[in-house]
Amino acid sequence: MKSGLLAAAAAAVVITASAAAGAATLDTVKQRGFVQCGVNAGLPGFGNPDSAGNWTGLDVDYCRAVAVAIFNDPNKVKFTPLSAQQRFPAIQSGEVDLLSRNTTATLTRDTSVGLNFAPVTYYDGQGFMVPKKLGVKSAKELNGATVCVQSGTTTELNLADYFRANNMTYNPVVIESNDEVNAAYFAGRCDVLTTDVSGLAGTRAGVAPVPEDHVILPEVISKEPLAPAVRHGDDQWFDIVKWTVYATIQAEEFGINSKNIDEFANTKNPDIQRFLGTSPGMGKALGLDEKWAYNIVKKVGNYGEIFDRNVGPGTPLKLERGLNALWTKGGLMYAQPFR
């Protein structure tokens, strides 16, 4: 009994110390002068550097939005490219303050991995891409296929579940690096590439030698709510990241974007007054400037702008809003009230 009490006390000390260490993220970020953000090592539309090292993408824009909320400067962020295997140790250890890397929110990642997920920034699902020359029209035709898949992902587990549920067999080619997975597929080592549909669209648009030679099959076999994540133990930091995401969604709900936001300066709408900080209180509640949401929309945009700029119909990915439309337009994007 005594040893059990001592062990419990020791565990409590560790938990308390961890919580204390994690509770100062905002102060640490301010002292450092920038947000350290973990992103994909290279996924067109979500997190991708150009030849000069300039990062773009939907996930990248949410890193910039958090930097604006704190510093009013979208450039006060540094990006750490992470593989699927590296991403969780990086956020757990404090190497990054924020993980914005096409990561699916799941129960075990919330609990045993120790992550707090902000609101979903992209509702996705797993799919399959095949060479057009194979003539395959449905995933149900893939019995016996060789499938390229990245290790350490929900994709790998979903793949096994789907084939087992449909009484089909497959030969997996499991590779750690996303770039190497793509290279294996385009080199013909496998018949099929599987990952999130958005990732397939990005790979086809940005990596395929001839994008038109590859077809994304119609089946979507899983739910993949992609969301930024922070460590357990710092409620204020979690709140800042969470409400940063909500700010971009709420702005679109209000019809406010980066170009027209100043037209709302004299609005009589109390909800918009609170949102823009002309009626104070929301910034103080988060430990931020009262203009934090205004600054995010002015310098990064609302959700629709972020979507269209990075993955929308006018980009090489050509993705439609679908589930990522506002709730008022049949989608799932819905911000909690700013009050």
Protein backbone atom coordinates (compact mmCIF):
# COMPACT_ATOMS: atom_id res chain seq x y z
CA MET A 1 0.00 0.00 0.00
CA LYS A 2 2.79 2.38 0.92
CA SER A 3 4.62 1.79 -2.35
CA GLY A 4 1.35 2.33 -4.21
CA LEU A 5 0.81 5.67 -2.46
CA LEU A 6 4.38 6.72 -3.21
CA ALA A 7 3.95 5.79 -6.86
CA ALA A 8 0.71 7.72 -7.04
CA ALA A 9 2.34 10.73 -5.40
CA ALA A 10 5.27 10.56 -7.81
CA ALA A 11 2.88 10.36 -10.75
CA ALA A 12 0.98 13.36 -9.41
CA VAL A 13 4.22 15.32 -9.20
CA VAL A 14 5.07 14.43 -12.81
CA ILE A 15 1.59 15.38 -14.01
CA THR A 16 1.68 18.66 -12.07
CA ALA A 17 5.13 19.47 -13.41
CA SER A 18 4.03 18.67 -16.96
CA ALA A 19 0.95 20.82 -16.61
CA ALA A 20 3.02 23.68 -15.23
CA ALA A 21 5.51 23.33 -18.05
CA GLY A 22 2.74 23.24 -20.65
CA ALA A 23 0.78 26.11 -19.17
CA ALA A 24 3.24 28.75 -20.36
CA THR A 25 3.02 28.18 -24.12
CA LEU A 26 1.75 31.67 -24.91
CA ASP A 27 4.45 33.27 -22.77
CA THR A 28 7.10 31.06 -24.37
CA VAL A 29 5.90 31.94 -27.87
CA LYS A 30 5.87 35.67 -27.07
CA GLN A 31 9.37 35.55 -25.60
CA ARG A 32 10.65 33.58 -28.58
CA GLY A 33 8.96 35.95 -31.01
CA PHE A 34 7.31 33.40 -33.29
CA VAL A 35 5.09 30.31 -33.40
CA GLN A 36 6.84 27.02 -34.16
CA CYS A 37 4.42 25.05 -36.31
CA GLY A 38 4.67 21.44 -37.42
CA VAL A 39 3.50 20.90 -41.01
CA ASN A 40 3.62 18.31 -43.77
CA ALA A 41 6.99 17.95 -45.43
CA GLY A 42 5.33 18.50 -48.78
CA LEU A 43 1.63 18.12 -49.63
CA PRO A 44 0.32 20.47 -52.34
CA GLY A 45 -2.63 22.51 -51.15
CA PHE A 46 -2.01 21.88 -47.45
CA GLY A 47 1.65 22.31 -46.61
CA ASN A 48 4.22 22.74 -49.33
CA PRO A 49 7.42 24.80 -49.69
CA ASP A 50 8.50 26.27 -53.00
CA SER A 51 12.08 26.30 -54.26
CA ALA A 52 12.79 29.43 -52.20
CA GLY A 53 11.45 27.87 -49.01
CA ASN A 54 8.19 29.85 -48.96
CA TRP A 55 5.41 27.78 -47.42
CA THR A 56 1.83 27.72 -48.68
CA GLY A 57 -1.24 25.63 -48.00
CA LEU A 58 -4.43 25.42 -45.97
CA ASP A 59 -2.63 24.00 -42.92
CA VAL A 60 0.10 26.60 -43.30
CA ASP A 61 -2.47 29.40 -43.35
CA TYR A 62 -3.78 28.27 -39.97
CA CYS A 63 -0.25 28.47 -38.56
CA ARG A 64 -0.11 32.02 -39.92
CA ALA A 65 -3.54 32.80 -38.46
CA VAL A 66 -2.36 31.81 -34.97
CA ALA A 67 0.70 34.04 -35.44
CA VAL A 68 -1.59 36.93 -36.41
CA ALA A 69 -3.79 36.34 -33.36
CA ILE A 70 -0.73 36.73 -31.11
CA PHE A 71 1.61 39.09 -32.98
CA ASN A 72 -0.60 40.65 -35.67
CA ASP A 73 2.01 39.39 -38.12
CA PRO A 74 1.50 36.33 -40.38
CA ASN A 75 5.24 35.99 -40.84
CA LYS A 76 6.02 35.41 -37.18
CA VAL A 77 5.91 31.66 -37.62
CA LYS A 78 8.53 29.07 -38.44
CA PHE A 79 7.68 25.76 -40.05
CA THR A 80 9.00 22.35 -39.05
CA PRO A 81 8.35 19.73 -41.77
CA LEU A 82 7.35 16.44 -40.14
CA SER A 83 6.70 12.92 -41.38
CA ALA A 84 3.70 10.96 -40.09
CA GLN A 85 6.00 9.19 -37.61
CA GLN A 86 7.69 12.40 -36.42
CA ARG A 87 4.60 14.53 -35.88
CA PHE A 88 3.39 13.23 -32.51
CA PRO A 89 6.79 13.11 -30.75
CA ALA A 90 7.41 16.66 -32.04
CA ILE A 91 4.28 18.08 -30.42
CA GLN A 92 4.62 15.95 -27.27
CA SER A 93 8.21 17.05 -26.67
CA GLY A 94 7.56 20.74 -27.28
CA GLU A 95 9.63 20.85 -30.46
CA VAL A 96 6.59 22.51 -32.03
CA ASP A 97 3.86 24.59 -30.37
CA LEU A 98 1.20 23.58 -32.84
CA LEU A 99 0.67 20.69 -35.21
CA SER A 100 -1.16 21.72 -38.38
CA ARG A 101 -0.39 18.78 -40.60
CA ASN A 102 -3.42 17.06 -42.21
CA THR A 103 -3.88 15.02 -39.03
CA THR A 104 -7.08 13.08 -38.31
CA ALA A 105 -8.67 13.68 -34.93
CA THR A 106 -9.33 10.33 -33.23
CA LEU A 107 -10.15 9.10 -29.73
CA THR A 108 -6.78 7.45 -29.11
CA ARG A 109 -4.84 10.45 -30.37
CA ASP A 110 -6.86 12.62 -28.01
CA THR A 111 -6.22 10.31 -25.06
CA SER A 112 -3.12 8.09 -25.22
CA VAL A 113 -1.16 10.42 -27.52
CA GLY A 114 -2.16 13.41 -25.41
CA LEU A 115 -3.45 15.82 -28.04
CA ASN A 116 -6.17 18.44 -27.91
CA PHE A 117 -7.70 18.92 -31.35
CA ALA A 118 -8.94 22.31 -32.47
CA PRO A 119 -12.03 22.50 -34.73
CA VAL A 120 -11.80 20.64 -38.00
CA THR A 121 -10.27 22.66 -40.83
CA TYR A 122 -10.94 20.07 -43.54
CA TYR A 123 -13.47 17.23 -43.53
CA ASP A 124 -11.94 14.46 -45.58
CA GLY A 125 -12.11 10.73 -46.19
CA GLN A 126 -9.79 8.03 -47.48
CA GLY A 127 -9.85 7.09 -51.13
CA PHE A 128 -7.93 5.29 -53.86
CA MET A 129 -6.09 6.46 -56.96
CA VAL A 130 -5.19 4.18 -59.86
CA PRO A 131 -3.62 4.58 -63.30
CA LYS A 132 -6.35 5.25 -65.86
CA LYS A 133 -4.90 2.57 -68.12
CA LEU A 134 -6.00 -0.15 -65.67
CA GLY A 135 -9.62 0.57 -66.50
CA VAL A 136 -10.71 0.24 -62.86
CA LYS A 137 -13.95 2.07 -62.04
CA SER A 138 -14.56 1.06 -58.41
CA ALA A 139 -12.61 0.10 -55.30
CA LYS A 140 -14.62 -3.13 -55.28
CA GLU A 141 -12.54 -4.17 -58.30
CA LEU A 142 -9.24 -4.03 -56.39
CA ASN A 143 -9.16 -7.62 -55.11
CA GLY A 144 -5.55 -8.84 -55.24
CA ALA A 145 -4.14 -5.38 -55.98
CA THR A 146 -0.80 -4.09 -54.74
CA VAL A 147 -1.41 -0.97 -52.68
CA CYS A 148 1.05 1.77 -51.71
CA VAL A 149 0.34 3.19 -48.24
CA GLN A 150 2.20 5.32 -45.72
CA SER A 151 3.04 3.72 -42.39
CA GLY A 152 2.05 5.21 -39.04
CA THR A 153 -1.25 6.62 -40.35
CA THR A 154 -4.96 5.96 -39.96
CA THR A 155 -4.78 5.23 -43.70
CA GLU A 156 -2.92 1.97 -43.09
CA LEU A 157 -5.55 0.75 -40.59
CA ASN A 158 -8.51 1.81 -42.73
CA LEU A 159 -7.05 -0.01 -45.72
CA ALA A 160 -6.86 -3.29 -43.83
CA ASP A 161 -10.40 -2.84 -42.46
CA TYR A 162 -11.88 -2.07 -45.87
CA PHE A 163 -10.41 -5.06 -47.65
CA ARG A 164 -11.29 -7.40 -44.79
CA ALA A 165 -14.88 -6.09 -44.62
CA ASN A 166 -15.29 -6.63 -48.38
CA ASN A 167 -13.68 -10.09 -48.34
CA MET A 168 -10.86 -8.96 -50.60
CA THR A 169 -7.11 -9.45 -50.44
CA TYR A 170 -4.34 -7.00 -51.22
CA ASN A 171 -0.56 -6.78 -51.17
CA PRO A 172 0.58 -3.74 -49.15
CA VAL A 173 3.69 -1.73 -49.98
CA VAL A 174 4.19 0.12 -46.68
CA ILE A 175 6.64 3.03 -46.73
CA GLU A 176 7.41 5.65 -44.07
CA SER A 177 8.04 8.71 -46.23
CA ASN A 178 5.14 10.25 -48.12
CA ASP A 179 7.47 11.27 -50.95
CA GLU A 180 8.73 7.69 -51.24
CA VAL A 181 5.17 6.33 -51.22
CA ASN A 182 4.30 8.60 -54.13
CA ALA A 183 7.51 7.73 -55.95
CA ALA A 184 6.77 4.01 -55.58
CA TYR A 185 3.29 4.44 -57.01
CA PHE A 186 4.38 6.53 -59.99
CA ALA A 187 7.25 4.09 -60.65
CA GLY A 188 4.71 1.29 -61.00
CA ARG A 189 5.61 -0.65 -57.85
CA CYS A 190 1.93 -0.76 -56.93
CA ASP A 191 -1.43 -0.65 -58.68
CA VAL A 192 -3.07 1.66 -56.18
CA LEU A 193 -2.21 4.68 -54.03
CA THR A 194 -4.36 5.24 -50.96
CA THR A 195 -4.58 8.23 -48.63
CA ASP A 196 -7.07 11.03 -47.90
CA VAL A 197 -8.92 12.16 -51.02
CA SER A 198 -7.48 15.67 -50.62
CA GLY A 199 -4.00 14.16 -50.49
CA LEU A 200 -4.67 12.14 -53.63
CA ALA A 201 -5.85 15.30 -55.39
CA GLY A 202 -2.73 17.15 -54.26
CA THR A 203 -0.45 14.32 -55.34
CA ARG A 204 -2.12 13.98 -58.72
CA ALA A 205 -1.97 17.74 -59.34
CA GLY A 206 1.49 18.41 -57.95
CA VAL A 207 3.50 15.19 -58.32
CA ALA A 208 2.10 13.09 -61.17
CA PRO A 209 4.11 13.41 -64.41
CA VAL A 210 0.77 13.50 -66.30
CA PRO A 211 -2.14 14.15 -63.91
CA GLU A 212 -4.74 13.06 -66.48
CA ASP A 213 -3.25 9.55 -66.48
CA HIS A 214 -4.57 8.89 -62.97
CA VAL A 215 -8.10 8.47 -61.64
CA ILE A 216 -9.43 8.89 -58.09
CA LEU A 217 -12.06 6.21 -57.54
CA PRO A 218 -15.50 7.23 -56.24
CA GLU A 219 -15.47 5.31 -52.96
CA VAL A 220 -14.64 7.19 -49.75
CA ILE A 221 -14.01 4.54 -47.10
CA SER A 222 -13.54 6.50 -43.89
CA LYS A 223 -14.13 9.70 -41.95
CA GLU A 224 -10.98 11.82 -41.73
CA PRO A 225 -11.67 15.07 -39.86
CA LEU A 226 -8.37 16.94 -40.24
CA ALA A 227 -7.62 19.42 -37.48
CA PRO A 228 -4.77 21.33 -35.83
CA ALA A 229 -3.61 19.93 -32.51
CA VAL A 230 -1.80 21.07 -29.37
CA ARG A 231 -0.47 19.26 -26.30
CA HIS A 232 -2.63 18.46 -23.31
CA GLY A 233 -2.02 20.68 -20.30
CA ASP A 234 -2.38 24.26 -21.52
CA ASP A 235 -5.99 25.37 -21.75
CA GLN A 236 -5.19 28.95 -22.72
CA TRP A 237 -3.07 27.89 -25.69
CA PHE A 238 -5.73 25.39 -26.75
CA ASP A 239 -8.36 28.13 -26.52
CA ILE A 240 -6.30 30.47 -28.71
CA VAL A 241 -5.81 27.85 -31.44
CA LYS A 242 -9.43 26.70 -31.22
CA TRP A 243 -10.94 30.18 -31.49
CA THR A 244 -8.52 31.14 -34.24
CA VAL A 245 -10.10 28.43 -36.38
CA TYR A 246 -13.58 29.49 -35.34
CA ALA A 247 -12.77 33.10 -36.24
CA THR A 248 -12.18 32.20 -39.88
CA ILE A 249 -15.45 30.25 -40.04
CA GLN A 250 -17.47 32.90 -38.19
CA ALA A 251 -16.17 35.61 -40.50
CA GLU A 252 -17.50 33.73 -43.51
CA GLU A 253 -20.84 33.24 -41.72
CA PHE A 254 -21.05 37.01 -41.22
CA GLY A 255 -20.13 37.65 -44.86
CA ILE A 256 -16.89 39.29 -43.73
CA ASN A 257 -13.70 38.75 -45.73
CA SER A 258 -10.25 40.29 -46.00
CA LYS A 259 -11.39 42.83 -48.58
CA ASN A 260 -14.65 44.10 -47.05
CA ILE A 261 -13.91 43.84 -43.32
CA ASP A 262 -13.37 47.58 -42.84
CA GLU A 263 -16.88 48.23 -44.14
CA PHE A 264 -18.16 46.70 -40.88
CA ALA A 265 -16.35 49.21 -38.65
CA ASN A 266 -19.56 51.07 -37.76
CA THR A 267 -21.91 48.10 -37.68
CA LYS A 268 -24.73 48.14 -35.15
CA ASN A 269 -24.83 44.33 -35.02
CA PRO A 270 -23.69 43.43 -31.46
CA ASP A 271 -22.44 40.00 -32.56
CA ILE A 272 -20.16 41.56 -35.18
CA GLN A 273 -19.07 44.27 -32.74
CA ARG A 274 -17.89 41.60 -30.30
CA PHE A 275 -16.23 39.66 -33.11
CA LEU A 276 -14.29 42.65 -34.44
CA GLY A 277 -13.36 43.94 -30.99
CA THR A 278 -15.21 47.25 -31.23
CA SER A 279 -17.17 45.90 -28.27
CA PRO A 280 -14.38 44.65 -25.98
CA GLY A 281 -14.15 41.43 -24.03
CA MET A 282 -13.40 38.55 -26.42
CA GLY A 283 -9.71 39.40 -26.71
CA LYS A 284 -9.27 39.78 -22.97
CA ALA A 285 -10.90 36.40 -22.41
CA LEU A 286 -8.17 34.78 -24.52
CA GLY A 287 -5.29 36.94 -23.32
CA LEU A 288 -5.06 38.60 -26.73
CA ASP A 289 -5.57 42.04 -28.24
CA GLU A 290 -9.23 42.91 -28.77
CA LYS A 291 -8.58 43.13 -32.53
CA TRP A 292 -7.26 39.57 -32.76
CA ALA A 293 -10.14 38.25 -34.91
CA TYR A 294 -10.18 41.37 -37.09
CA ASN A 295 -6.46 40.95 -37.68
CA ILE A 296 -6.82 37.27 -38.62
CA VAL A 297 -9.47 37.98 -41.24
CA LYS A 298 -7.69 41.08 -42.55
CA LYS A 299 -4.33 39.36 -42.98
CA VAL A 300 -5.18 35.68 -43.63
CA GLY A 301 -8.83 35.67 -44.68
CA ASN A 302 -12.03 33.87 -43.78
CA TYR A 303 -12.43 30.12 -44.18
CA GLY A 304 -13.79 30.40 -47.70
CA GLU A 305 -10.84 32.51 -48.79
CA ILE A 306 -8.37 30.08 -47.23
CA PHE A 307 -10.09 27.12 -48.89
CA ASP A 308 -10.37 28.72 -52.33
CA ARG A 309 -6.79 30.01 -52.29
CA ASN A 310 -5.25 26.64 -51.49
CA VAL A 311 -7.46 23.75 -52.61
CA GLY A 312 -10.58 25.17 -54.28
CA PRO A 313 -11.90 24.84 -57.84
CA GLY A 314 -9.51 27.52 -59.09
CA THR A 315 -6.41 25.64 -57.90
CA PRO A 316 -4.70 22.57 -59.39
CA LEU A 317 -6.48 20.42 -56.77
CA LYS A 318 -9.93 21.57 -58.01
CA LEU A 319 -11.70 20.52 -54.81
CA GLU A 320 -15.31 21.51 -54.22
CA ARG A 321 -16.46 22.70 -50.79
CA GLY A 322 -18.71 19.67 -50.19
CA LEU A 323 -18.74 18.86 -46.47
CA ASN A 324 -16.49 21.88 -45.95
CA ALA A 325 -19.23 24.31 -46.90
CA LEU A 326 -20.83 26.40 -44.16
CA TRP A 327 -23.65 24.77 -42.22
CA THR A 328 -25.99 27.33 -43.78
CA LYS A 329 -25.12 25.88 -47.20
CA GLY A 330 -25.40 22.19 -46.41
CA GLY A 331 -21.87 21.67 -45.05
CA LEU A 332 -20.38 20.97 -41.65
CA MET A 333 -18.49 24.21 -41.00
CA TYR A 334 -20.05 25.80 -37.92
CA ALA A 335 -18.52 28.22 -35.43
CA GLN A 336 -19.45 28.33 -31.78
CA PRO A 337 -20.90 31.71 -30.69
CA PHE A 338 -18.56 34.65 -30.04
CA ARG A 339 -20.16 35.92 -26.84
